[in-house]
Amino acid sequence: MSKDKKKFIVKLLDEDKEEVTTSRKVLEDIKSKVESITKEERREGEKFFSNKNQRIARGKMIRYLREQKKISAKDFCELAGVTRSYLSNIECGVRDMNMNTLDYWLHILDGRSIIIPFSE
């Protein structure tokens, strides 16, 4: 391997280390902020979460992600363990879901989680 290639690889590895360090600092900052949230503030957040417009937006987001992944409603219901009518009601904004359900569904659809565990 040439010296230039080695220098380039070392430079990339150094950049990756910096990025990982920065990401860890950001995650630690988020964790400390979440841990400082009181129970009352969390309840207020959950009230906001159940706003009708938010419910409709979440339903549309679920449908959009499901369609982007080319997962049929029937297949998604089997994966999520829910009935077709429940999924339809969620996607249309007729019913709401709790944060844990939303987190689980997003994990199924996108492989990501939105909830950071709350410690008392």
C-alpha atoms as a PDB file:
ATOM      1  CA  MET A   1       0.000   0.000   0.000  1.00  0.00           C
ATOM      2  CA  SER A   2       1.355   3.421  -0.919  1.00  0.00           C
ATOM      3  CA  LYS A   3       2.118   6.164   1.605  1.00  0.00           C
ATOM      4  CA  ASP A   4      -0.652   8.337   0.171  1.00  0.00           C
ATOM      5  CA  LYS A   5      -3.247   5.598   0.657  1.00  0.00           C
ATOM      6  CA  LYS A   6      -2.063   5.016   4.224  1.00  0.00           C
ATOM      7  CA  LYS A   7      -2.225   8.744   5.001  1.00  0.00           C
ATOM      8  CA  PHE A   8      -5.693   8.913   3.506  1.00  0.00           C
ATOM      9  CA  ILE A   9      -6.917   5.934   5.562  1.00  0.00           C
ATOM     10  CA  VAL A  10      -5.399   7.365   8.763  1.00  0.00           C
ATOM     11  CA  LYS A  11      -7.074  10.704   8.044  1.00  0.00           C
ATOM     12  CA  LEU A  12     -10.446   8.971   7.548  1.00  0.00           C
ATOM     13  CA  LEU A  13     -10.027   7.018  10.778  1.00  0.00           C
ATOM     14  CA  ASP A  14      -9.193  10.214  12.688  1.00  0.00           C
ATOM     15  CA  GLU A  15     -12.298  11.909  11.279  1.00  0.00           C
ATOM     16  CA  ASP A  16     -14.399   8.899  12.335  1.00  0.00           C
ATOM     17  CA  LYS A  17     -12.981   9.101  15.870  1.00  0.00           C
ATOM     18  CA  GLU A  18     -13.892  12.786  16.069  1.00  0.00           C
ATOM     19  CA  GLU A  19     -17.387  12.062  14.804  1.00  0.00           C
ATOM     20  CA  VAL A  20     -17.895   9.259  17.341  1.00  0.00           C
ATOM     21  CA  THR A  21     -16.620  11.468  20.163  1.00  0.00           C
ATOM     22  CA  THR A  22     -18.961  14.278  19.123  1.00  0.00           C
ATOM     23  CA  SER A  23     -21.906  11.844  18.877  1.00  0.00           C
ATOM     24  CA  ARG A  24     -21.186  10.495  22.350  1.00  0.00           C
ATOM     25  CA  LYS A  25     -21.083  14.019  23.781  1.00  0.00           C
ATOM     26  CA  VAL A  26     -24.415  14.838  22.141  1.00  0.00           C
ATOM     27  CA  LEU A  27     -25.999  11.629  23.469  1.00  0.00           C
ATOM     28  CA  GLU A  28     -24.676  12.294  26.972  1.00  0.00           C
ATOM     29  CA  ASP A  29     -26.102  15.822  26.823  1.00  0.00           C
ATOM     30  CA  ILE A  30     -29.506  14.499  25.723  1.00  0.00           C
ATOM     31  CA  LYS A  31     -29.456  11.856  28.446  1.00  0.00           C
ATOM     32  CA  SER A  32     -28.716  14.412  31.146  1.00  0.00           C
ATOM     33  CA  LYS A  33     -31.532  16.657  29.886  1.00  0.00           C
ATOM     34  CA  VAL A  34     -33.992  13.743  29.823  1.00  0.00           C
ATOM     35  CA  GLU A  35     -33.015  12.698  33.331  1.00  0.00           C
ATOM     36  CA  SER A  36     -33.669  16.223  34.584  1.00  0.00           C
ATOM     37  CA  ILE A  37     -37.278  16.194  33.340  1.00  0.00           C
ATOM     38  CA  THR A  38     -39.742  16.007  36.215  1.00  0.00           C
ATOM     39  CA  LYS A  39     -42.787  13.733  36.242  1.00  0.00           C
ATOM     40  CA  GLU A  40     -45.069  16.733  35.787  1.00  0.00           C
ATOM     41  CA  GLU A  41     -43.133  17.942  32.737  1.00  0.00           C
ATOM     42  CA  ARG A  42     -43.358  14.445  31.280  1.00  0.00           C
ATOM     43  CA  ARG A  43     -47.155  14.408  31.779  1.00  0.00           C
ATOM     44  CA  GLU A  44     -47.389  17.778  30.033  1.00  0.00           C
ATOM     45  CA  GLY A  45     -45.397  16.335  27.126  1.00  0.00           C
ATOM     46  CA  GLU A  46     -47.760  13.378  26.910  1.00  0.00           C
ATOM     47  CA  LYS A  47     -50.743  15.756  26.830  1.00  0.00           C
ATOM     48  CA  PHE A  48     -49.166  17.574  23.898  1.00  0.00           C
ATOM     49  CA  PHE A  49     -48.499  14.226  22.269  1.00  0.00           C
ATOM     50  CA  SER A  50     -52.238  13.435  22.249  1.00  0.00           C
ATOM     51  CA  ASN A  51     -53.253  16.614  20.391  1.00  0.00           C
ATOM     52  CA  LYS A  52     -55.689  15.814  17.521  1.00  0.00           C
ATOM     53  CA  ASN A  53     -53.477  17.344  14.838  1.00  0.00           C
ATOM     54  CA  GLN A  54     -50.506  15.422  16.168  1.00  0.00           C
ATOM     55  CA  ARG A  55     -52.549  12.213  16.093  1.00  0.00           C
ATOM     56  CA  ILE A  56     -53.442  12.764  12.444  1.00  0.00           C
ATOM     57  CA  ALA A  57     -49.833  13.627  11.554  1.00  0.00           C
ATOM     58  CA  ARG A  58     -48.552  10.479  13.280  1.00  0.00           C
ATOM     59  CA  GLY A  59     -51.044   8.350  11.376  1.00  0.00           C
ATOM     60  CA  LYS A  60     -49.966   9.864   8.074  1.00  0.00           C
ATOM     61  CA  MET A  61     -46.320   9.348   9.000  1.00  0.00           C
ATOM     62  CA  ILE A  62     -46.933   5.665   9.789  1.00  0.00           C
ATOM     63  CA  ARG A  63     -48.725   5.150   6.471  1.00  0.00           C
ATOM     64  CA  TYR A  64     -46.014   7.025   4.559  1.00  0.00           C
ATOM     65  CA  LEU A  65     -43.186   4.985   6.111  1.00  0.00           C
ATOM     66  CA  ARG A  66     -45.084   1.734   5.597  1.00  0.00           C
ATOM     67  CA  GLU A  67     -45.710   2.532   1.924  1.00  0.00           C
ATOM     68  CA  GLN A  68     -42.095   3.667   1.412  1.00  0.00           C
ATOM     69  CA  LYS A  69     -40.899   0.304   2.734  1.00  0.00           C
ATOM     70  CA  LYS A  70     -43.461  -1.383   0.454  1.00  0.00           C
ATOM     71  CA  ILE A  71     -45.037  -3.212   3.383  1.00  0.00           C
ATOM     72  CA  SER A  72     -48.691  -4.031   2.902  1.00  0.00           C
ATOM     73  CA  ALA A  73     -51.137  -3.198   5.665  1.00  0.00           C
ATOM     74  CA  LYS A  74     -51.781  -6.916   6.155  1.00  0.00           C
ATOM     75  CA  ASP A  75     -48.065  -7.691   6.522  1.00  0.00           C
ATOM     76  CA  PHE A  76     -47.511  -4.765   8.872  1.00  0.00           C
ATOM     77  CA  CYS A  77     -50.417  -5.884  11.059  1.00  0.00           C
ATOM     78  CA  GLU A  78     -48.835  -9.317  11.347  1.00  0.00           C
ATOM     79  CA  LEU A  79     -45.469  -7.775  12.271  1.00  0.00           C
ATOM     80  CA  ALA A  80     -46.973  -5.355  14.788  1.00  0.00           C
ATOM     81  CA  GLY A  81     -49.500  -7.811  16.213  1.00  0.00           C
ATOM     82  CA  VAL A  82     -52.527  -5.589  15.620  1.00  0.00           C
ATOM     83  CA  THR A  83     -55.769  -5.883  13.682  1.00  0.00           C
ATOM     84  CA  ARG A  84     -56.232  -4.305  10.274  1.00  0.00           C
ATOM     85  CA  SER A  85     -59.018  -2.068  11.585  1.00  0.00           C
ATOM     86  CA  TYR A  86     -56.772  -0.753  14.390  1.00  0.00           C
ATOM     87  CA  LEU A  87     -54.020   0.126  11.901  1.00  0.00           C
ATOM     88  CA  SER A  88     -56.548   1.809   9.615  1.00  0.00           C
ATOM     89  CA  ASN A  89     -57.939   3.869  12.498  1.00  0.00           C
ATOM     90  CA  ILE A  90     -54.419   4.956  13.466  1.00  0.00           C
ATOM     91  CA  GLU A  91     -53.415   5.847   9.909  1.00  0.00           C
ATOM     92  CA  CYS A  92     -56.623   7.848   9.400  1.00  0.00           C
ATOM     93  CA  GLY A  93     -56.215   9.685  12.712  1.00  0.00           C
ATOM     94  CA  VAL A  94     -59.424   8.266  14.211  1.00  0.00           C
ATOM     95  CA  ARG A  95     -57.573   6.604  17.096  1.00  0.00           C
ATOM     96  CA  ASP A  96     -54.419   7.517  18.910  1.00  0.00           C
ATOM     97  CA  MET A  97     -51.569   5.360  20.114  1.00  0.00           C
ATOM     98  CA  ASN A  98     -49.313   5.683  23.097  1.00  0.00           C
ATOM     99  CA  MET A  99     -45.654   6.607  22.788  1.00  0.00           C
ATOM    100  CA  ASN A 100     -44.445   3.050  23.305  1.00  0.00           C
ATOM    101  CA  THR A 101     -46.612   1.768  20.436  1.00  0.00           C
ATOM    102  CA  LEU A 102     -45.402   4.553  18.174  1.00  0.00           C
ATOM    103  CA  ASP A 103     -41.812   3.779  19.113  1.00  0.00           C
ATOM    104  CA  TYR A 104     -42.309   0.069  18.408  1.00  0.00           C
ATOM    105  CA  TRP A 105     -43.949   0.734  15.042  1.00  0.00           C
ATOM    106  CA  LEU A 106     -41.203   3.152  14.017  1.00  0.00           C
ATOM    107  CA  HIS A 107     -38.664   0.530  14.985  1.00  0.00           C
ATOM    108  CA  ILE A 108     -40.435  -1.981  12.728  1.00  0.00           C
ATOM    109  CA  LEU A 109     -40.635   0.499   9.841  1.00  0.00           C
ATOM    110  CA  ASP A 110     -37.368   2.351  10.161  1.00  0.00           C
ATOM    111  CA  GLY A 111     -35.174   0.426  12.579  1.00  0.00           C
ATOM    112  CA  ARG A 112     -34.932   3.456  14.858  1.00  0.00           C
ATOM    113  CA  SER A 113     -36.273   4.301  18.247  1.00  0.00           C
ATOM    114  CA  ILE A 114     -37.544   7.699  19.371  1.00  0.00           C
ATOM    115  CA  ILE A 115     -37.965   7.063  23.079  1.00  0.00           C
ATOM    116  CA  ILE A 116     -35.125   7.541  25.509  1.00  0.00           C
ATOM    117  CA  PRO A 117     -35.835   5.652  28.743  1.00  0.00           C
ATOM    118  CA  PHE A 118     -37.073   7.895  31.551  1.00  0.00           C
ATOM    119  CA  SER A 119     -35.434   7.409  34.918  1.00  0.00           C
ATOM    120  CA  GLU A 120     -37.166   8.518  38.097  1.00  0.00           C
END
